[in-house]
Amino acid sequence: MPSVSARLFGSFLRLTGYVSKNFNGGPDMPKVIAAARALPVPSPTAKHRSRIDVREENFNGLPMFHLSPRGGATPKGHMLFWHGGGYVFAISPFHWNALVNIVERHGVAITVPYYPLAPEHDALETTAHAMAVYRHYLDQVPGPFVMGGDSAGGGLTAVTAMAARDAGLRLPAALSLICPWLDAEAPHAEQAEIEKRDAILRIRGIRDAGKLYARDLPPSDPRVSPIHGNWDGLPPMQVFAGGDDILVMDSRSLKAKLPGISLDERAGMIHDWPIFFFPEAKQAQDAIGAHVAAAR
């Protein structure tokens, strides 16, 4: 059973619609996205910067943040992390809190690129930017590293790993996927029942976001829905999923396709549970940090 704080947080999100209001989809979705664009994009706060070192770089017109242990200590491992947000929303304070925790607790370095969002940009532009970031990152980090992301960022992680493999580039030592969004069509009948418990996502919302991101591509295209791509030859995977998350079906589909992956699926947990603050989230953050530090 989830911890008290996890259950209370889930109940708060369900009752208030604090996040799910962004994923109702339908004709109001462009207005919701436009309202989000009018807000400042969260970045590491002064409190975060007092705990770790933060360096910002501009890459192809978009920010890229490099988080590393305080005082210039040599990192024990490296991670390239793609944030979630349905490909339409920017990074959140929850992401920054979780990533700073991992860097501080495990002494690893994490690079966090921003990427082009829909509907202003489409999957072809976003994946091209991700590959440019990836090549740049390889030049900066000559040794082993982990690539990971949450939700849409988990999908972008998979797409980027597939493209890097196909291009003959050096691959990550491992992948870390947090509640990954791997199928933009949300095709599973079970998702309708799970949606009743989901505190964050709605089926119509993710389908509409997927269409905005796909634009001229079919939502089933592997660059949009990597579950349909070629997973052969990719690195070992650490995957997290929650039973009260409609995207749990994506992780289960991946496990059926690749039985050897490590899947930590927890009953009663909400979408993206590892990025939050309750005990289970901290356990997952520690597992990710250890995974990054152990990458060889």
C-alpha atoms as a PDB file:
ATOM      1  CA  MET A   1       0.000   0.000   0.000  1.00  0.00           C
ATOM      2  CA  PRO A   2       1.296   3.500  -0.788  1.00  0.00           C
ATOM      3  CA  SER A   3       2.573   5.650   2.062  1.00  0.00           C
ATOM      4  CA  VAL A   4       0.219   8.077   3.775  1.00  0.00           C
ATOM      5  CA  SER A   5       1.881  11.061   2.126  1.00  0.00           C
ATOM      6  CA  ALA A   6       1.649   9.444  -1.309  1.00  0.00           C
ATOM      7  CA  ARG A   7      -2.053   8.733  -0.817  1.00  0.00           C
ATOM      8  CA  LEU A   8      -2.744  12.248   0.495  1.00  0.00           C
ATOM      9  CA  PHE A   9      -0.910  13.838  -2.417  1.00  0.00           C
ATOM     10  CA  GLY A  10      -2.773  11.688  -4.919  1.00  0.00           C
ATOM     11  CA  SER A  11      -6.086  12.589  -3.288  1.00  0.00           C
ATOM     12  CA  PHE A  12      -5.202  16.287  -3.395  1.00  0.00           C
ATOM     13  CA  LEU A  13      -4.417  16.098  -7.109  1.00  0.00           C
ATOM     14  CA  ARG A  14      -7.614  14.176  -7.877  1.00  0.00           C
ATOM     15  CA  LEU A  15      -9.852  16.527  -5.891  1.00  0.00           C
ATOM     16  CA  THR A  16      -8.337  19.766  -7.177  1.00  0.00           C
ATOM     17  CA  GLY A  17      -7.447  18.795 -10.742  1.00  0.00           C
ATOM     18  CA  TYR A  18      -4.254  20.754 -10.110  1.00  0.00           C
ATOM     19  CA  VAL A  19      -2.413  18.955 -12.928  1.00  0.00           C
ATOM     20  CA  SER A  20      -5.122  16.976 -14.732  1.00  0.00           C
ATOM     21  CA  LYS A  21      -6.814  20.219 -15.839  1.00  0.00           C
ATOM     22  CA  ASN A  22      -3.907  20.579 -18.264  1.00  0.00           C
ATOM     23  CA  PHE A  23      -4.691  17.219 -19.847  1.00  0.00           C
ATOM     24  CA  ASN A  24      -8.446  17.408 -20.368  1.00  0.00           C
ATOM     25  CA  GLY A  25      -7.848  17.864 -24.080  1.00  0.00           C
ATOM     26  CA  GLY A  26     -10.565  18.961 -26.451  1.00  0.00           C
ATOM     27  CA  PRO A  27     -11.075  22.423 -27.960  1.00  0.00           C
ATOM     28  CA  ASP A  28      -9.727  24.229 -24.882  1.00  0.00           C
ATOM     29  CA  MET A  29      -6.318  22.551 -25.028  1.00  0.00           C
ATOM     30  CA  PRO A  30      -4.680  25.247 -27.216  1.00  0.00           C
ATOM     31  CA  LYS A  31      -5.804  27.856 -24.680  1.00  0.00           C
ATOM     32  CA  VAL A  32      -4.377  25.819 -21.822  1.00  0.00           C
ATOM     33  CA  ILE A  33      -1.052  25.520 -23.632  1.00  0.00           C
ATOM     34  CA  ALA A  34      -1.047  29.237 -24.480  1.00  0.00           C
ATOM     35  CA  ALA A  35      -1.649  30.104 -20.823  1.00  0.00           C
ATOM     36  CA  ALA A  36       1.255  27.874 -19.823  1.00  0.00           C
ATOM     37  CA  ARG A  37       3.503  29.605 -22.365  1.00  0.00           C
ATOM     38  CA  ALA A  38       2.781  32.961 -20.739  1.00  0.00           C
ATOM     39  CA  LEU A  39       4.341  31.774 -17.467  1.00  0.00           C
ATOM     40  CA  PRO A  40       8.086  31.787 -16.723  1.00  0.00           C
ATOM     41  CA  VAL A  41       9.732  28.426 -17.365  1.00  0.00           C
ATOM     42  CA  PRO A  42      10.934  27.002 -14.029  1.00  0.00           C
ATOM     43  CA  SER A  43      14.681  26.752 -13.602  1.00  0.00           C
ATOM     44  CA  PRO A  44      16.942  25.809 -10.693  1.00  0.00           C
ATOM     45  CA  THR A  45      16.211  28.097  -7.740  1.00  0.00           C
ATOM     46  CA  ALA A  46      18.642  29.863  -5.433  1.00  0.00           C
ATOM     47  CA  LYS A  47      18.030  27.109  -2.880  1.00  0.00           C
ATOM     48  CA  HIS A  48      18.887  24.474  -5.477  1.00  0.00           C
ATOM     49  CA  ARG A  49      22.042  26.368  -6.389  1.00  0.00           C
ATOM     50  CA  SER A  50      23.108  26.409  -2.743  1.00  0.00           C
ATOM     51  CA  ARG A  51      23.069  22.590  -2.734  1.00  0.00           C
ATOM     52  CA  ILE A  52      24.723  21.772  -6.069  1.00  0.00           C
ATOM     53  CA  ASP A  53      26.637  23.495  -8.855  1.00  0.00           C
ATOM     54  CA  VAL A  54      24.557  24.667 -11.814  1.00  0.00           C
ATOM     55  CA  ARG A  55      25.901  25.765 -15.179  1.00  0.00           C
ATOM     56  CA  GLU A  56      23.632  26.994 -17.966  1.00  0.00           C
ATOM     57  CA  GLU A  57      24.461  26.687 -21.645  1.00  0.00           C
ATOM     58  CA  ASN A  58      22.567  27.897 -24.696  1.00  0.00           C
ATOM     59  CA  PHE A  59      22.332  25.156 -27.307  1.00  0.00           C
ATOM     60  CA  ASN A  60      20.714  25.897 -30.661  1.00  0.00           C
ATOM     61  CA  GLY A  61      18.673  28.656 -29.057  1.00  0.00           C
ATOM     62  CA  LEU A  62      17.406  26.672 -26.068  1.00  0.00           C
ATOM     63  CA  PRO A  63      18.726  26.422 -22.503  1.00  0.00           C
ATOM     64  CA  MET A  64      20.632  23.369 -21.320  1.00  0.00           C
ATOM     65  CA  PHE A  65      21.430  23.017 -17.628  1.00  0.00           C
ATOM     66  CA  HIS A  66      24.379  21.077 -16.241  1.00  0.00           C
ATOM     67  CA  LEU A  67      23.909  19.985 -12.624  1.00  0.00           C
ATOM     68  CA  SER A  68      26.945  18.671 -10.759  1.00  0.00           C
ATOM     69  CA  PRO A  69      28.156  18.031  -7.208  1.00  0.00           C
ATOM     70  CA  ARG A  70      28.895  21.066  -5.068  1.00  0.00           C
ATOM     71  CA  GLY A  71      32.401  22.495  -5.073  1.00  0.00           C
ATOM     72  CA  GLY A  72      33.586  20.972  -8.314  1.00  0.00           C
ATOM     73  CA  ALA A  73      33.827  17.418  -7.002  1.00  0.00           C
ATOM     74  CA  THR A  74      34.394  14.807  -9.701  1.00  0.00           C
ATOM     75  CA  PRO A  75      31.002  13.256 -10.566  1.00  0.00           C
ATOM     76  CA  LYS A  76      30.553   9.581  -9.816  1.00  0.00           C
ATOM     77  CA  GLY A  77      28.453   9.195 -12.954  1.00  0.00           C
ATOM     78  CA  HIS A  78      26.705  11.130 -15.704  1.00  0.00           C
ATOM     79  CA  MET A  79      23.114  11.336 -16.915  1.00  0.00           C
ATOM     80  CA  LEU A  80      21.366  13.032 -19.835  1.00  0.00           C
ATOM     81  CA  PHE A  81      17.763  13.686 -18.779  1.00  0.00           C
ATOM     82  CA  TRP A  82      14.717  14.628 -20.901  1.00  0.00           C
ATOM     83  CA  HIS A  83      11.821  16.161 -18.962  1.00  0.00           C
ATOM     84  CA  GLY A  84       8.166  15.247 -19.375  1.00  0.00           C
ATOM     85  CA  GLY A  85       5.152  17.415 -20.098  1.00  0.00           C
ATOM     86  CA  GLY A  86       3.287  15.690 -22.904  1.00  0.00           C
ATOM     87  CA  TYR A  87       5.610  17.329 -25.473  1.00  0.00           C
ATOM     88  CA  VAL A  88       3.514  20.477 -24.982  1.00  0.00           C
ATOM     89  CA  PHE A  89       4.469  21.710 -21.488  1.00  0.00           C
ATOM     90  CA  ALA A  90       7.798  22.869 -20.088  1.00  0.00           C
ATOM     91  CA  ILE A  91       9.773  21.381 -17.226  1.00  0.00           C
ATOM     92  CA  SER A  92       8.237  21.693 -13.746  1.00  0.00           C
ATOM     93  CA  PRO A  93       9.590  22.515 -10.264  1.00  0.00           C
ATOM     94  CA  PHE A  94       8.982  18.864  -9.332  1.00  0.00           C
ATOM     95  CA  HIS A  95      11.536  17.833 -11.959  1.00  0.00           C
ATOM     96  CA  TRP A  96      14.140  20.211 -10.586  1.00  0.00           C
ATOM     97  CA  ASN A  97      13.586  19.092  -6.993  1.00  0.00           C
ATOM     98  CA  ALA A  98      14.024  15.427  -7.927  1.00  0.00           C
ATOM     99  CA  LEU A  99      17.080  15.998 -10.117  1.00  0.00           C
ATOM    100  CA  VAL A 100      18.808  18.177  -7.527  1.00  0.00           C
ATOM    101  CA  ASN A 101      18.127  15.506  -4.903  1.00  0.00           C
ATOM    102  CA  ILE A 102      19.764  12.861  -7.095  1.00  0.00           C
ATOM    103  CA  VAL A 103      22.827  15.009  -7.800  1.00  0.00           C
ATOM    104  CA  GLU A 104      23.284  15.976  -4.153  1.00  0.00           C
ATOM    105  CA  ARG A 105      22.669  12.534  -2.650  1.00  0.00           C
ATOM    106  CA  HIS A 106      24.640  10.482  -5.168  1.00  0.00           C
ATOM    107  CA  GLY A 107      27.353  12.824  -6.393  1.00  0.00           C
ATOM    108  CA  VAL A 108      26.454  12.425 -10.057  1.00  0.00           C
ATOM    109  CA  ALA A 109      26.151  14.989 -12.848  1.00  0.00           C
ATOM    110  CA  ILE A 110      22.886  15.471 -14.763  1.00  0.00           C
ATOM    111  CA  THR A 111      22.457  17.452 -17.968  1.00  0.00           C
ATOM    112  CA  VAL A 112      18.927  18.737 -18.610  1.00  0.00           C
ATOM    113  CA  PRO A 113      18.239  20.109 -22.111  1.00  0.00           C
ATOM    114  CA  TYR A 114      15.095  21.984 -22.995  1.00  0.00           C
ATOM    115  CA  TYR A 115      13.621  20.964 -26.338  1.00  0.00           C
ATOM    116  CA  PRO A 116      11.130  22.380 -28.874  1.00  0.00           C
ATOM    117  CA  LEU A 117       7.519  21.934 -27.746  1.00  0.00           C
ATOM    118  CA  ALA A 118       4.294  21.405 -29.669  1.00  0.00           C
ATOM    119  CA  PRO A 119       2.223  22.876 -31.186  1.00  0.00           C
ATOM    120  CA  GLU A 120       4.832  25.468 -32.185  1.00  0.00           C
ATOM    121  CA  HIS A 121       7.125  22.598 -33.182  1.00  0.00           C
ATOM    122  CA  ASP A 122       6.540  19.014 -34.214  1.00  0.00           C
ATOM    123  CA  ALA A 123       8.069  15.601 -33.620  1.00  0.00           C
ATOM    124  CA  LEU A 124      10.482  15.914 -36.540  1.00  0.00           C
ATOM    125  CA  GLU A 125      11.901  19.167 -35.165  1.00  0.00           C
ATOM    126  CA  THR A 126      12.031  17.914 -31.587  1.00  0.00           C
ATOM    127  CA  THR A 127      13.729  14.631 -32.396  1.00  0.00           C
ATOM    128  CA  ALA A 128      16.234  16.420 -34.650  1.00  0.00           C
ATOM    129  CA  HIS A 129      17.054  18.800 -31.790  1.00  0.00           C
ATOM    130  CA  ALA A 130      17.393  15.853 -29.407  1.00  0.00           C
ATOM    131  CA  MET A 131      19.885  14.170 -31.714  1.00  0.00           C
ATOM    132  CA  ALA A 132      21.896  17.380 -32.006  1.00  0.00           C
ATOM    133  CA  VAL A 133      21.950  17.601 -28.200  1.00  0.00           C
ATOM    134  CA  TYR A 134      22.975  13.940 -28.017  1.00  0.00           C
ATOM    135  CA  ARG A 135      25.947  14.416 -30.353  1.00  0.00           C
ATOM    136  CA  HIS A 136      26.997  17.498 -28.391  1.00  0.00           C
ATOM    137  CA  TYR A 137      26.698  15.565 -25.131  1.00  0.00           C
ATOM    138  CA  LEU A 138      28.891  12.752 -26.457  1.00  0.00           C
ATOM    139  CA  ASP A 139      31.617  15.318 -27.108  1.00  0.00           C
ATOM    140  CA  GLN A 140      31.329  16.591 -23.541  1.00  0.00           C
ATOM    141  CA  VAL A 141      31.098  13.227 -21.739  1.00  0.00           C
ATOM    142  CA  PRO A 142      33.632  10.774 -23.158  1.00  0.00           C
ATOM    143  CA  GLY A 143      32.877   7.989 -20.678  1.00  0.00           C
ATOM    144  CA  PRO A 144      29.829   5.932 -19.690  1.00  0.00           C
ATOM    145  CA  PHE A 145      26.524   7.676 -19.031  1.00  0.00           C
ATOM    146  CA  VAL A 146      22.846   6.950 -18.502  1.00  0.00           C
ATOM    147  CA  MET A 147      20.107   8.564 -20.583  1.00  0.00           C
ATOM    148  CA  GLY A 148      16.663   8.901 -19.092  1.00  0.00           C
ATOM    149  CA  GLY A 149      13.478  10.872 -18.813  1.00  0.00           C
ATOM    150  CA  ASP A 150       9.976  10.908 -17.452  1.00  0.00           C
ATOM    151  CA  SER A 151       6.648  10.581 -19.284  1.00  0.00           C
ATOM    152  CA  ALA A 152       7.114  12.252 -22.704  1.00  0.00           C
ATOM    153  CA  GLY A 153      10.788  12.566 -21.809  1.00  0.00           C
ATOM    154  CA  GLY A 154      10.872   8.799 -21.430  1.00  0.00           C
ATOM    155  CA  GLY A 155       9.492   8.480 -24.929  1.00  0.00           C
ATOM    156  CA  LEU A 156      12.048  10.956 -26.240  1.00  0.00           C
ATOM    157  CA  THR A 157      14.770   8.963 -24.481  1.00  0.00           C
ATOM    158  CA  ALA A 158      13.736   5.828 -26.360  1.00  0.00           C
ATOM    159  CA  VAL A 159      13.463   7.601 -29.723  1.00  0.00           C
ATOM    160  CA  THR A 160      16.867   9.233 -29.266  1.00  0.00           C
ATOM    161  CA  ALA A 161      18.501   5.939 -28.272  1.00  0.00           C
ATOM    162  CA  MET A 162      17.045   4.263 -31.363  1.00  0.00           C
ATOM    163  CA  ALA A 163      18.263   7.084 -33.621  1.00  0.00           C
ATOM    164  CA  ALA A 164      21.728   7.009 -32.027  1.00  0.00           C
ATOM    165  CA  ARG A 165      21.944   3.258 -32.563  1.00  0.00           C
ATOM    166  CA  ASP A 166      20.862   3.595 -36.180  1.00  0.00           C
ATOM    167  CA  ALA A 167      23.463   6.336 -36.713  1.00  0.00           C
ATOM    168  CA  GLY A 168      26.220   4.138 -35.294  1.00  0.00           C
ATOM    169  CA  LEU A 169      26.875   6.507 -32.372  1.00  0.00           C
ATOM    170  CA  ARG A 170      28.127   5.549 -28.920  1.00  0.00           C
ATOM    171  CA  LEU A 171      25.152   4.452 -26.829  1.00  0.00           C
ATOM    172  CA  PRO A 172      24.396   5.083 -23.178  1.00  0.00           C
ATOM    173  CA  ALA A 173      25.436   2.406 -20.717  1.00  0.00           C
ATOM    174  CA  ALA A 174      21.790   2.207 -19.613  1.00  0.00           C
ATOM    175  CA  LEU A 175      18.396   3.882 -19.942  1.00  0.00           C
ATOM    176  CA  SER A 176      16.186   5.063 -17.074  1.00  0.00           C
ATOM    177  CA  LEU A 177      12.512   5.520 -17.974  1.00  0.00           C
ATOM    178  CA  ILE A 178      10.112   7.076 -15.471  1.00  0.00           C
ATOM    179  CA  CYS A 179       6.468   6.294 -16.303  1.00  0.00           C
ATOM    180  CA  PRO A 180       7.347   6.577 -20.002  1.00  0.00           C
ATOM    181  CA  TRP A 181       4.831   7.686 -22.620  1.00  0.00           C
ATOM    182  CA  LEU A 182       5.482   5.247 -25.443  1.00  0.00           C
ATOM    183  CA  ASP A 183       2.155   5.134 -27.319  1.00  0.00           C
ATOM    184  CA  ALA A 184       0.431   8.407 -28.241  1.00  0.00           C
ATOM    185  CA  GLU A 185      -2.755   6.616 -29.277  1.00  0.00           C
ATOM    186  CA  ALA A 186      -3.576   5.266 -25.784  1.00  0.00           C
ATOM    187  CA  PRO A 187      -5.039   2.126 -27.407  1.00  0.00           C
ATOM    188  CA  HIS A 188      -5.552  -0.128 -24.392  1.00  0.00           C
ATOM    189  CA  ALA A 189      -9.078  -0.876 -23.161  1.00  0.00           C
ATOM    190  CA  GLU A 190      -7.769  -1.084 -19.588  1.00  0.00           C
ATOM    191  CA  GLN A 191      -6.814   2.590 -19.676  1.00  0.00           C
ATOM    192  CA  ALA A 192     -10.453   3.674 -19.393  1.00  0.00           C
ATOM    193  CA  GLU A 193     -10.739   1.989 -15.991  1.00  0.00           C
ATOM    194  CA  ILE A 194      -7.331   3.198 -14.806  1.00  0.00           C
ATOM    195  CA  GLU A 195      -8.270   6.753 -15.820  1.00  0.00           C
ATOM    196  CA  LYS A 196     -10.841   6.825 -13.007  1.00  0.00           C
ATOM    197  CA  ARG A 197      -7.950   6.587 -10.529  1.00  0.00           C
ATOM    198  CA  ASP A 198      -5.412   8.682 -12.455  1.00  0.00           C
ATOM    199  CA  ALA A 199      -4.647  11.931 -10.642  1.00  0.00           C
ATOM    200  CA  ILE A 200      -2.716  13.576 -13.476  1.00  0.00           C
ATOM    201  CA  LEU A 201      -3.487  12.334 -16.996  1.00  0.00           C
ATOM    202  CA  ARG A 202      -6.593  11.955 -19.154  1.00  0.00           C
ATOM    203  CA  ILE A 203      -6.883   9.745 -22.220  1.00  0.00           C
ATOM    204  CA  ARG A 204      -8.319  12.481 -24.424  1.00  0.00           C
ATOM    205  CA  GLY A 205      -5.622  14.880 -23.304  1.00  0.00           C
ATOM    206  CA  ILE A 206      -2.691  12.660 -24.144  1.00  0.00           C
ATOM    207  CA  ARG A 207      -4.248  11.686 -27.462  1.00  0.00           C
ATOM    208  CA  ASP A 208      -4.722  15.356 -28.359  1.00  0.00           C
ATOM    209  CA  ALA A 209      -1.199  16.238 -27.218  1.00  0.00           C
ATOM    210  CA  GLY A 210       0.130  13.356 -29.286  1.00  0.00           C
ATOM    211  CA  LYS A 211      -1.648  14.641 -32.396  1.00  0.00           C
ATOM    212  CA  LEU A 212      -0.263  18.147 -31.858  1.00  0.00           C
ATOM    213  CA  TYR A 213       3.230  16.721 -31.490  1.00  0.00           C
ATOM    214  CA  ALA A 214       2.907  14.336 -34.446  1.00  0.00           C
ATOM    215  CA  ARG A 215       1.448  17.027 -36.736  1.00  0.00           C
ATOM    216  CA  ASP A 216       1.942  15.525 -40.217  1.00  0.00           C
ATOM    217  CA  LEU A 217       3.027  12.110 -38.953  1.00  0.00           C
ATOM    218  CA  PRO A 218       0.578   9.421 -37.889  1.00  0.00           C
ATOM    219  CA  PRO A 219       0.539   9.132 -34.081  1.00  0.00           C
ATOM    220  CA  SER A 220       1.642   5.514 -34.520  1.00  0.00           C
ATOM    221  CA  ASP A 221       4.925   6.606 -36.131  1.00  0.00           C
ATOM    222  CA  PRO A 222       7.814   5.287 -33.987  1.00  0.00           C
ATOM    223  CA  ARG A 223       9.212   8.815 -33.670  1.00  0.00           C
ATOM    224  CA  VAL A 224       5.998   9.713 -31.835  1.00  0.00           C
ATOM    225  CA  SER A 225       5.091   6.335 -30.332  1.00  0.00           C
ATOM    226  CA  PRO A 226       8.384   4.472 -29.830  1.00  0.00           C
ATOM    227  CA  ILE A 227       6.636   1.315 -28.611  1.00  0.00           C
ATOM    228  CA  HIS A 228       6.262   0.603 -32.358  1.00  0.00           C
ATOM    229  CA  GLY A 229       9.970   1.115 -33.021  1.00  0.00           C
ATOM    230  CA  ASN A 230      12.877  -1.305 -33.136  1.00  0.00           C
ATOM    231  CA  TRP A 231      14.133  -1.963 -29.600  1.00  0.00           C
ATOM    232  CA  ASP A 232      16.875  -4.379 -30.637  1.00  0.00           C
ATOM    233  CA  GLY A 233      20.357  -3.580 -29.413  1.00  0.00           C
ATOM    234  CA  LEU A 234      19.366  -0.870 -26.953  1.00  0.00           C
ATOM    235  CA  PRO A 235      21.046  -0.604 -23.536  1.00  0.00           C
ATOM    236  CA  PRO A 236      19.679  -2.224 -20.353  1.00  0.00           C
ATOM    237  CA  MET A 237      16.643  -0.409 -18.971  1.00  0.00           C
ATOM    238  CA  GLN A 238      15.453   0.678 -15.569  1.00  0.00           C
ATOM    239  CA  VAL A 239      11.703   1.424 -15.780  1.00  0.00           C
ATOM    240  CA  PHE A 240       9.287   2.835 -13.180  1.00  0.00           C
ATOM    241  CA  ALA A 241       5.484   2.647 -13.439  1.00  0.00           C
ATOM    242  CA  GLY A 242       2.444   3.271 -11.243  1.00  0.00           C
ATOM    243  CA  GLY A 243      -0.782   1.302 -11.068  1.00  0.00           C
ATOM    244  CA  ASP A 244      -2.917   4.476 -10.955  1.00  0.00           C
ATOM    245  CA  ASP A 245      -1.387   5.879 -14.136  1.00  0.00           C
ATOM    246  CA  ILE A 246      -2.918   5.309 -17.567  1.00  0.00           C
ATOM    247  CA  LEU A 247       0.618   5.078 -18.947  1.00  0.00           C
ATOM    248  CA  VAL A 248       1.285   1.960 -16.884  1.00  0.00           C
ATOM    249  CA  MET A 249       0.024   0.085 -19.937  1.00  0.00           C
ATOM    250  CA  ASP A 250       2.947   1.466 -21.962  1.00  0.00           C
ATOM    251  CA  SER A 251       5.434   0.083 -19.444  1.00  0.00           C
ATOM    252  CA  ARG A 252       3.641  -3.260 -19.384  1.00  0.00           C
ATOM    253  CA  SER A 253       3.743  -3.372 -23.189  1.00  0.00           C
ATOM    254  CA  LEU A 254       7.460  -2.677 -23.073  1.00  0.00           C
ATOM    255  CA  LYS A 255       7.973  -5.423 -20.494  1.00  0.00           C
ATOM    256  CA  ALA A 256       6.069  -7.856 -22.743  1.00  0.00           C
ATOM    257  CA  LYS A 257       8.315  -6.864 -25.648  1.00  0.00           C
ATOM    258  CA  LEU A 258      11.530  -6.912 -23.572  1.00  0.00           C
ATOM    259  CA  PRO A 259      11.110  -9.287 -20.617  1.00  0.00           C
ATOM    260  CA  GLY A 260      14.654  -8.605 -19.427  1.00  0.00           C
ATOM    261  CA  ILE A 261      14.088  -4.975 -18.455  1.00  0.00           C
ATOM    262  CA  SER A 262      13.910  -3.984 -14.789  1.00  0.00           C
ATOM    263  CA  LEU A 263      10.341  -2.805 -14.145  1.00  0.00           C
ATOM    264  CA  ASP A 264       9.420  -1.283 -10.786  1.00  0.00           C
ATOM    265  CA  GLU A 265       5.628  -1.079 -10.981  1.00  0.00           C
ATOM    266  CA  ARG A 266       3.907  -0.082  -7.741  1.00  0.00           C
ATOM    267  CA  ALA A 267       0.193  -0.477  -7.065  1.00  0.00           C
ATOM    268  CA  GLY A 268      -1.678   2.692  -6.186  1.00  0.00           C
ATOM    269  CA  MET A 269       1.073   5.035  -7.368  1.00  0.00           C
ATOM    270  CA  ILE A 270       0.288   8.031  -9.551  1.00  0.00           C
ATOM    271  CA  HIS A 271       1.830   9.070 -12.844  1.00  0.00           C
ATOM    272  CA  ASP A 272       5.445  10.219 -12.521  1.00  0.00           C
ATOM    273  CA  TRP A 273       5.566   9.206  -8.868  1.00  0.00           C
ATOM    274  CA  PRO A 274       9.403   9.054  -8.761  1.00  0.00           C
ATOM    275  CA  ILE A 275       9.753  12.833  -9.261  1.00  0.00           C
ATOM    276  CA  PHE A 276       7.745  13.809  -6.183  1.00  0.00           C
ATOM    277  CA  PHE A 277       8.592  14.061  -2.475  1.00  0.00           C
ATOM    278  CA  PHE A 278       6.996  11.144  -0.620  1.00  0.00           C
ATOM    279  CA  PRO A 279       8.993   8.102   0.590  1.00  0.00           C
ATOM    280  CA  GLU A 280       8.452   5.975  -2.518  1.00  0.00           C
ATOM    281  CA  ALA A 281       9.654   8.836  -4.723  1.00  0.00           C
ATOM    282  CA  LYS A 282      12.821   9.219  -2.662  1.00  0.00           C
ATOM    283  CA  GLN A 283      13.415   5.472  -2.963  1.00  0.00           C
ATOM    284  CA  ALA A 284      13.104   5.726  -6.746  1.00  0.00           C
ATOM    285  CA  GLN A 285      15.398   8.766  -6.868  1.00  0.00           C
ATOM    286  CA  ASP A 286      17.983   6.816  -4.880  1.00  0.00           C
ATOM    287  CA  ALA A 287      17.617   3.881  -7.279  1.00  0.00           C
ATOM    288  CA  ILE A 288      18.172   6.214 -10.247  1.00  0.00           C
ATOM    289  CA  GLY A 289      21.178   7.857  -8.601  1.00  0.00           C
ATOM    290  CA  ALA A 290      22.722   4.479  -7.827  1.00  0.00           C
ATOM    291  CA  HIS A 291      22.012   3.362 -11.400  1.00  0.00           C
ATOM    292  CA  VAL A 292      23.827   6.415 -12.784  1.00  0.00           C
ATOM    293  CA  ALA A 293      26.768   6.031 -10.404  1.00  0.00           C
ATOM    294  CA  ALA A 294      27.131   2.344 -11.335  1.00  0.00           C
ATOM    295  CA  ALA A 295      27.052   2.871 -15.115  1.00  0.00           C
ATOM    296  CA  ARG A 296      30.031   1.239 -16.817  1.00  0.00           C
END
